[in-house]
């Protein structure tokens, strides 16, 4: 059984409130999914800043919680059946917190599955493809002379944006009511600014996307979650 008091991660990131959900994260596109959901749901939690440096995410302490050395990760001392639970992968964390809080996962079993499919769409499509586009446009991949990798991810990003734009036609949120699908997707749409790729993917041609992002950013819990954990 997981013992939160003696878990190796507490040696580096000690818990002041071990009775609360412990969040280990950094405010990236994936990291803020967890903090926004925790703010939206009202579940009590304690955030810990885990930087993206190897000294943090590849430390023995963090690897004891997430062997994949990626943020975010959580420990819930009051997990299913009252037993502690640790989780990594932002999509899995969103689903867990939605079930635990009873919020943002729809009203019916059919709603849950429809929402889950859009979370998976982000996890398997939007996140990886946008991330690769950023690599080949802004970061080390931009030095590669062969244009094909960059063109591939530009075209795939355009395709995914079109899917979202069509889905949003006539509705405010991606799967009906506001849900974890929106919490998963919109941080990655915001990431297009960070990667400086809005112009090359034709952002202005997707009429439903900017209003969607604006609605999301108008939510007070979103505004708080975007800044958690604090970098200071």
Protein backbone atom coordinates (compact mmCIF):
# COMPACT_ATOMS: atom_id res chain seq x y z
CA UNK A 1 0.00 0.00 0.00
CA UNK A 2 1.20 3.53 -0.78
CA UNK A 3 2.36 5.33 2.35
CA UNK A 4 2.18 9.05 1.66
CA UNK A 5 4.11 9.96 4.80
CA UNK A 6 7.17 7.97 3.78
CA UNK A 7 6.91 8.23 -0.02
CA UNK A 8 10.36 9.03 -1.47
CA UNK A 9 9.07 12.18 -3.19
CA UNK A 10 8.44 13.84 0.18
CA UNK A 11 12.18 13.91 0.84
CA UNK A 12 12.53 16.55 -1.88
CA UNK A 13 9.03 18.08 -1.86
CA UNK A 14 7.74 17.74 1.71
CA UNK A 15 4.02 18.05 2.31
CA UNK A 16 2.84 20.72 4.73
CA UNK A 17 -0.71 19.35 4.46
CA UNK A 18 -0.38 15.60 3.84
CA UNK A 19 -4.14 15.13 4.21
CA UNK A 20 -4.67 17.04 0.93
CA UNK A 21 -4.09 15.96 -2.66
CA UNK A 22 -0.43 16.60 -3.46
CA UNK A 23 0.19 18.11 -6.90
CA UNK A 24 3.66 17.95 -8.44
CA UNK A 25 3.69 20.11 -11.54
CA UNK A 26 4.87 23.09 -13.57
CA UNK A 27 2.61 25.54 -15.45
CA UNK A 28 3.00 24.11 -18.96
CA UNK A 29 0.18 23.11 -21.33
CA UNK A 30 -0.03 19.72 -19.63
CA UNK A 31 0.73 20.92 -16.13
CA UNK A 32 -2.07 23.46 -15.93
CA UNK A 33 -4.67 20.85 -16.83
CA UNK A 34 -4.29 19.42 -13.33
CA UNK A 35 -4.17 22.74 -11.50
CA UNK A 36 -7.17 24.13 -13.41
CA UNK A 37 -9.19 21.01 -12.66
CA UNK A 38 -8.27 21.16 -8.98
CA UNK A 39 -9.31 24.82 -8.86
CA UNK A 40 -12.54 24.13 -10.76
CA UNK A 41 -13.50 21.13 -8.64
CA UNK A 42 -12.76 22.70 -5.26
CA UNK A 43 -10.88 19.62 -4.06
CA UNK A 44 -8.33 20.56 -1.38
CA UNK A 45 -4.77 20.25 -2.64
CA UNK A 46 -1.21 21.35 -2.08
CA UNK A 47 0.92 22.30 -5.10
CA UNK A 48 4.65 21.63 -5.44
CA UNK A 49 6.76 23.24 -8.15
CA UNK A 50 8.68 20.64 -10.15
CA UNK A 51 10.79 22.37 -12.78
CA UNK A 52 11.48 20.82 -16.17
CA UNK A 53 15.19 20.58 -15.44
CA UNK A 54 16.74 17.12 -15.27
CA UNK A 55 17.67 17.81 -11.67
CA UNK A 56 13.96 17.79 -10.83
CA UNK A 57 12.07 15.56 -13.27
CA UNK A 58 14.86 12.97 -13.48
CA UNK A 59 15.62 13.00 -9.79
CA UNK A 60 15.17 9.70 -7.92
CA UNK A 61 12.48 11.36 -5.82
CA UNK A 62 10.31 12.39 -8.77
CA UNK A 63 10.94 9.16 -10.66
CA UNK A 64 9.59 7.30 -7.64
CA UNK A 65 6.23 8.92 -8.42
CA UNK A 66 6.42 9.07 -12.22
CA UNK A 67 8.92 6.75 -13.91
CA UNK A 68 8.20 8.60 -17.17
CA UNK A 69 9.78 11.78 -15.70
CA UNK A 70 6.98 14.10 -16.86
CA UNK A 71 4.75 16.53 -14.99
CA UNK A 72 2.07 16.57 -13.68
CA UNK A 73 1.68 13.85 -11.09
CA UNK A 74 -0.44 13.61 -7.95
CA UNK A 75 -0.79 11.71 -4.73
CA UNK A 76 -4.28 11.51 -3.24
CA UNK A 77 -4.07 10.33 0.39
CA UNK A 78 -7.81 9.59 0.26
CA UNK A 79 -8.10 7.61 -2.94
CA UNK A 80 -10.58 4.89 -3.91
CA UNK A 81 -11.84 2.86 -0.94
CA UNK A 82 -9.98 5.25 1.34
CA UNK A 83 -6.55 4.07 0.21
CA UNK A 84 -3.84 6.46 -1.03
CA UNK A 85 -3.38 6.65 -4.79
CA UNK A 86 -0.61 8.07 -6.95
CA UNK A 87 -1.16 8.98 -10.60
CA UNK A 88 0.76 10.42 -13.52
CA UNK A 89 -0.36 11.39 -17.07
CA UNK A 90 -2.50 14.53 -17.24
CA UNK A 91 -5.43 12.82 -18.97
CA UNK A 92 -5.61 10.11 -16.33
CA UNK A 93 -5.46 12.76 -13.62
CA UNK A 94 -8.32 14.73 -15.20
CA UNK A 95 -10.51 11.64 -15.39
CA UNK A 96 -9.72 10.68 -11.81
CA UNK A 97 -10.40 14.14 -10.39
CA UNK A 98 -13.64 14.40 -12.37
CA UNK A 99 -14.86 11.09 -10.97
CA UNK A 100 -13.72 11.96 -7.44
CA UNK A 101 -15.42 15.35 -7.45
CA UNK A 102 -18.44 14.31 -9.50
CA UNK A 103 -17.92 17.32 -11.76
CA UNK A 104 -17.10 18.08 -15.39
CA UNK A 105 -17.69 14.55 -16.67
CA UNK A 106 -21.28 14.94 -17.81
CA UNK A 107 -24.54 13.80 -16.29
CA UNK A 108 -24.87 10.35 -17.84
CA UNK A 109 -22.65 7.42 -18.75
CA UNK A 110 -23.02 8.38 -22.41
CA UNK A 111 -21.86 11.92 -21.56
CA UNK A 112 -18.81 10.48 -19.82
CA UNK A 113 -17.77 8.49 -22.85
CA UNK A 114 -18.33 11.40 -25.23
CA UNK A 115 -16.20 13.64 -23.02
CA UNK A 116 -13.53 10.98 -22.63
CA UNK A 117 -13.17 10.63 -26.39
CA UNK A 118 -12.26 14.32 -26.65
CA UNK A 119 -9.76 14.02 -23.81
CA UNK A 120 -8.18 11.15 -25.76
CA UNK A 121 -8.27 13.30 -28.91
CA UNK A 122 -6.15 15.86 -27.13
CA UNK A 123 -3.81 13.32 -25.57
CA UNK A 124 -3.22 11.36 -28.76
CA UNK A 125 -3.48 14.13 -31.34
CA UNK A 126 -3.45 17.77 -30.32
CA UNK A 127 -0.72 17.55 -27.69
CA UNK A 128 1.82 15.43 -29.58
CA UNK A 129 1.27 17.12 -32.94
CA UNK A 130 1.37 20.68 -31.60
CA UNK A 131 4.42 19.83 -29.53
CA UNK A 132 6.25 18.47 -32.57
CA UNK A 133 5.27 21.55 -34.57
CA UNK A 134 6.79 23.72 -31.84
CA UNK A 135 9.98 21.66 -31.90
CA UNK A 136 10.43 21.94 -35.66
CA UNK A 137 9.36 25.59 -35.88
CA UNK A 138 10.81 27.25 -32.77
CA UNK A 139 13.29 24.95 -31.12
CA UNK A 140 16.16 22.67 -32.18
CA UNK A 141 14.23 21.11 -35.06
CA UNK A 142 14.07 24.50 -36.80
CA UNK A 143 17.75 24.03 -37.72
CA UNK A 144 16.92 21.01 -39.88
CA UNK A 145 17.03 22.03 -43.53
CA UNK A 146 14.69 19.30 -44.78
CA UNK A 147 11.24 21.03 -44.85
CA UNK A 148 9.22 17.82 -44.71
CA UNK A 149 9.02 17.38 -40.90
CA UNK A 150 7.90 20.97 -40.39
CA UNK A 151 5.38 20.75 -43.23
CA UNK A 152 3.98 17.51 -41.86
CA UNK A 153 3.24 19.01 -38.46
CA UNK A 154 1.89 22.25 -39.90
CA UNK A 155 -0.58 20.29 -42.00
CA UNK A 156 -1.53 18.01 -39.13
CA UNK A 157 -2.06 20.97 -36.82
CA UNK A 158 -4.33 22.57 -39.40
CA UNK A 159 -6.33 19.35 -39.71
CA UNK A 160 -6.79 19.07 -35.94
CA UNK A 161 -7.76 22.71 -35.61
CA UNK A 162 -10.38 22.20 -38.30
CA UNK A 163 -11.82 19.24 -36.38
CA UNK A 164 -12.15 21.41 -33.27
CA UNK A 165 -13.54 24.36 -35.20
CA UNK A 166 -16.27 22.19 -36.75
CA UNK A 167 -17.09 20.57 -33.41
CA UNK A 168 -17.60 23.99 -31.83
CA UNK A 169 -20.04 25.17 -34.49
CA UNK A 170 -23.20 26.20 -32.65
CA UNK A 171 -21.96 25.33 -29.17
CA UNK A 172 -19.79 26.91 -26.49
CA UNK A 173 -17.90 23.83 -25.33
CA UNK A 174 -16.37 20.87 -27.09
CA UNK A 175 -18.62 18.12 -25.70
CA UNK A 176 -21.79 19.96 -24.70
CA UNK A 177 -21.42 21.46 -21.22
CA UNK A 178 -18.05 22.62 -19.89
CA UNK A 179 -15.97 19.57 -19.06
CA UNK A 180 -12.52 18.09 -18.62
CA UNK A 181 -12.37 17.89 -22.42
CA UNK A 182 -12.12 21.67 -22.52
CA UNK A 183 -9.58 21.68 -19.68
CA UNK A 184 -7.49 19.26 -21.72
CA UNK A 185 -7.74 21.04 -25.07
CA UNK A 186 -7.61 24.80 -24.51
CA UNK A 187 -4.18 24.96 -22.81
CA UNK A 188 -2.74 23.46 -26.01
CA UNK A 189 -4.56 26.00 -28.16
CA UNK A 190 -2.94 28.70 -26.03
CA UNK A 191 0.37 26.97 -26.62
CA UNK A 192 0.28 27.97 -30.27
CA UNK A 193 1.16 31.49 -29.12
CA UNK A 194 4.17 30.15 -27.22
CA UNK A 195 5.34 28.27 -30.31
CA UNK A 196 4.79 31.35 -32.54
CA UNK A 197 2.84 29.30 -35.08
CA UNK A 198 -0.62 30.88 -35.18
CA UNK A 199 0.03 32.60 -38.48
CA UNK A 200 1.46 29.55 -40.24
CA UNK A 201 -1.46 27.31 -39.19
CA UNK A 202 -4.02 29.91 -40.29
CA UNK A 203 -5.50 30.50 -36.84
CA UNK A 204 -7.66 33.43 -37.96
CA UNK A 205 -9.41 31.18 -40.46
CA UNK A 206 -10.94 29.06 -37.69
CA UNK A 207 -13.72 31.38 -36.57
CA UNK A 208 -14.89 29.35 -33.56
CA UNK A 209 -11.53 28.87 -31.85
CA UNK A 210 -10.60 32.29 -30.46
CA UNK A 211 -14.05 32.84 -28.88
CA UNK A 212 -13.71 29.35 -27.38
CA UNK A 213 -10.33 30.19 -25.87
CA UNK A 214 -11.69 33.51 -24.57
CA UNK A 215 -14.65 31.80 -22.86
CA UNK A 216 -12.24 29.42 -21.19
CA UNK A 217 -9.94 32.19 -20.00
CA UNK A 218 -12.88 34.13 -18.56
CA UNK A 219 -13.39 31.46 -15.91
CA UNK A 220 -11.91 32.53 -12.54
CA UNK A 221 -10.73 29.01 -11.72
CA UNK A 222 -8.89 28.86 -15.03
CA UNK A 223 -7.19 32.19 -14.33
CA UNK A 224 -5.98 30.86 -10.98
CA UNK A 225 -4.96 27.47 -12.30
CA UNK A 226 -2.81 28.92 -15.07
CA UNK A 227 -0.48 30.32 -12.40
CA UNK A 228 -0.20 27.18 -10.27
CA UNK A 229 2.30 26.08 -9.11
CA UNK A 230 3.84 29.51 -8.80
CA UNK A 231 7.26 29.79 -10.45
CA UNK A 232 8.44 32.06 -7.62
